[in-house]
Protein backbone atom coordinates (compact mmCIF):
# COMPACT_ATOMS: atom_id res chain seq x y z
CA MET A 1 0.00 0.00 0.00
CA GLY A 2 2.97 2.28 0.33
CA PRO A 3 4.35 4.42 3.13
CA PHE A 4 2.07 5.46 5.96
CA THR A 5 2.54 8.97 7.32
CA SER A 6 1.00 10.72 10.33
CA MET A 7 0.77 14.44 11.10
CA LEU A 8 0.75 15.11 14.84
CA ALA A 9 -0.16 18.09 16.97
CA ALA A 10 2.39 19.37 19.47
CA ASP A 11 0.76 17.23 22.19
CA GLY A 12 1.00 14.04 20.10
CA ALA A 13 -2.62 13.80 18.92
CA VAL A 14 -2.91 12.67 15.31
CA LEU A 15 -4.35 15.39 13.08
CA ALA A 16 -4.13 13.44 9.82
CA CYS A 17 -2.64 10.25 8.48
CA GLY A 18 -2.63 8.20 5.35
CA TRP A 19 -0.71 6.40 2.64
CA THR A 20 1.52 9.19 1.37
CA THR A 21 4.89 10.77 2.01
CA ARG A 22 3.64 14.22 1.03
CA LEU A 23 3.06 16.27 4.15
CA ASP A 24 1.17 18.85 2.12
CA ASP A 25 -1.40 16.18 1.19
CA LEU A 26 -2.02 15.49 4.87
CA ARG A 27 -1.94 19.13 5.89
CA ALA A 28 -4.68 19.85 3.34
CA VAL A 29 -7.16 17.47 5.05
CA VAL A 30 -6.66 18.95 8.53
CA HIS A 31 -9.41 21.37 9.56
CA PRO A 32 -8.14 24.96 9.16
CA SER A 33 -8.53 25.63 12.88
CA LEU A 34 -6.14 22.74 13.66
CA ARG A 35 -3.81 23.00 10.67
CA PRO A 36 -0.19 23.55 11.75
CA ALA A 37 1.59 26.50 10.18
CA ASP A 38 4.82 24.57 9.90
CA VAL A 39 5.40 20.85 9.62
CA ARG A 40 8.60 18.86 9.81
CA TRP A 41 9.43 15.32 8.82
CA THR A 42 10.56 12.74 11.34
CA GLU A 43 11.12 9.07 10.62
CA ASP A 44 9.55 7.89 13.87
CA SER A 45 6.77 9.60 15.79
CA GLY A 46 7.11 7.41 18.87
CA GLU A 47 3.92 5.90 20.24
CA VAL A 48 1.89 6.52 17.09
CA THR A 49 4.48 4.84 14.87
CA GLU A 50 4.68 1.90 17.28
CA ALA A 51 0.87 1.52 17.40
CA VAL A 52 0.63 1.52 13.60
CA ARG A 53 3.46 -1.04 13.32
CA ARG A 54 1.73 -3.28 15.86
CA TYR A 55 -1.58 -2.96 13.98
CA PHE A 56 0.04 -4.09 10.71
CA ALA A 57 1.79 -6.93 12.58
CA GLY A 58 -1.64 -8.25 13.59
CA GLU A 59 -2.33 -6.54 16.91
CA LEU A 60 -5.45 -4.78 15.64
CA ALA A 61 -6.34 -3.11 18.94
CA ALA A 62 -3.01 -1.28 19.02
CA ILE A 63 -4.51 1.77 17.28
CA ASP A 64 -7.49 2.04 19.63
CA ALA A 65 -5.80 4.27 22.21
CA VAL A 66 -4.00 6.55 19.76
CA PRO A 67 -5.21 10.11 20.47
CA VAL A 68 -6.72 11.96 17.51
CA ARG A 69 -8.03 15.45 16.99
CA GLN A 70 -10.50 16.48 14.31
CA HIS A 71 -12.81 19.46 14.18
CA SER A 72 -16.25 19.83 12.66
CA GLY A 73 -19.89 20.03 13.60
CA GLU A 74 -21.65 17.92 16.20
CA PHE A 75 -22.79 15.15 13.84
CA LEU A 76 -19.36 14.60 12.27
CA ARG A 77 -17.63 14.57 15.65
CA ARG A 78 -20.15 11.98 16.91
CA ALA A 79 -19.82 9.95 13.72
CA TRP A 80 -16.03 9.86 14.04
CA GLU A 81 -16.36 8.70 17.66
CA VAL A 82 -18.70 5.91 16.52
CA LEU A 83 -16.15 4.72 13.94
CA ARG A 84 -13.74 3.97 16.76
CA THR A 85 -16.30 1.59 18.29
CA VAL A 86 -16.69 -0.60 15.19
CA PRO A 87 -14.65 -3.71 15.94
CA PRO A 88 -12.12 -5.08 13.46
CA GLY A 89 -13.44 -7.97 11.42
CA ALA A 90 -17.06 -6.83 11.90
CA PRO A 91 -17.73 -4.12 9.31
CA ILE A 92 -21.09 -2.36 9.28
CA THR A 93 -23.13 -0.74 6.52
CA TYR A 94 -23.52 3.00 6.02
CA THR A 95 -27.15 2.57 7.13
CA GLU A 96 -26.08 0.91 10.39
CA TYR A 97 -23.39 3.55 10.84
CA ALA A 98 -25.88 6.40 10.44
CA ALA A 99 -28.13 4.80 13.07
CA LYS A 100 -25.23 4.30 15.50
CA ALA A 101 -24.28 7.96 14.99
CA GLY A 102 -27.79 8.97 16.07
CA ARG A 103 -29.27 9.91 12.70
CA PRO A 104 -30.66 6.77 11.04
CA LYS A 105 -31.97 8.62 7.99
CA ALA A 106 -28.67 10.47 7.41
CA VAL A 107 -26.92 7.74 5.41
CA ARG A 108 -25.36 10.23 3.01
CA ALA A 109 -24.10 12.33 5.92
CA ALA A 110 -22.57 9.18 7.39
CA GLY A 111 -20.79 8.60 4.10
CA SER A 112 -19.59 12.19 4.19
CA ALA A 113 -18.19 11.61 7.69
CA CYS A 114 -16.09 8.77 6.30
CA ALA A 115 -14.98 10.86 3.33
CA ARG A 116 -13.98 13.78 5.58
CA ASN A 117 -12.15 11.61 8.13
CA ALA A 118 -8.58 12.94 8.16
CA VAL A 119 -7.24 10.14 10.36
CA ALA A 120 -8.12 7.11 8.25
CA LEU A 121 -6.94 3.84 9.80
CA ILE A 122 -6.87 5.17 13.37
CA VAL A 123 -10.50 6.29 13.02
CA PRO A 124 -11.36 3.19 10.99
CA CYS A 125 -13.71 4.38 8.26
CA HIS A 126 -12.66 1.33 6.23
CA ARG A 127 -14.98 -0.72 8.49
CA VAL A 128 -18.08 0.86 6.90
CA LEU A 129 -19.43 -0.70 3.71
CA PRO A 130 -22.14 0.04 1.18
CA ALA A 131 -25.33 -2.00 1.64
CA GLY A 132 -24.40 -4.43 -1.16
CA GLY A 133 -21.24 -5.46 0.66
CA ALA A 134 -18.75 -4.12 -1.90
CA PRO A 135 -15.86 -2.46 -0.09
CA GLY A 136 -16.11 0.97 -1.70
CA ASP A 137 -12.93 2.97 -1.35
CA LEU A 138 -10.70 4.71 1.17
CA ARG A 139 -9.59 8.18 0.09
CA ARG A 140 -10.35 7.11 -3.47
CA VAL A 141 -7.97 4.12 -3.27
CA PRO A 142 -10.15 0.94 -3.35
CA PRO A 143 -7.27 -1.56 -2.92
CA THR A 144 -6.37 0.05 0.42
CA LYS A 145 -9.81 -0.53 1.91
CA ARG A 146 -9.97 -4.08 0.56
CA TRP A 147 -6.51 -4.86 1.99
CA LEU A 148 -7.40 -3.46 5.44
CA LEU A 149 -10.66 -5.43 5.58
CA ALA A 150 -8.87 -8.64 4.54
CA HIS A 151 -6.08 -8.02 7.07
CA GLU A 152 -8.59 -7.57 9.90
CA ALA A 153 -10.72 -10.54 8.81
CA ALA A 154 -7.63 -12.78 8.74
CA GLU A 155 -6.48 -11.63 12.18
CA CYS A 156 -9.96 -12.06 13.68
CA SER A 157 -10.55 -15.59 12.36
């Protein structure tokens, strides 16, 4: 899938992450109120790097305690919190996700919450699927979502 990069706040909370080495790509998805003015590259971001390594080594719960920070309205914040409760190996549909987020008729808004999630993987939007069961995509990269779902299914079986 390529290199995985995280952008952290000064206190260590993840502001954005994804499969890129371009810090500008990540910076662009951070809410303007949280966007750092300056960013610098480091090979290892400590606990976050270790948690991601452990996740890919099969310890799926390793990412659960990683602190994140995103900013938006009440529904999106709630929806992102709900994503962190969806267990690995047990994906849900967008309809189920909307209901868990407190707005059962807001399926499109639930999809938007996944699309606007700047901390993909740590806030596991890949665990939400269209009603037909097809994986859909993750930041417009379908193989990434399929790989993550297969990885989690294999580790949970």
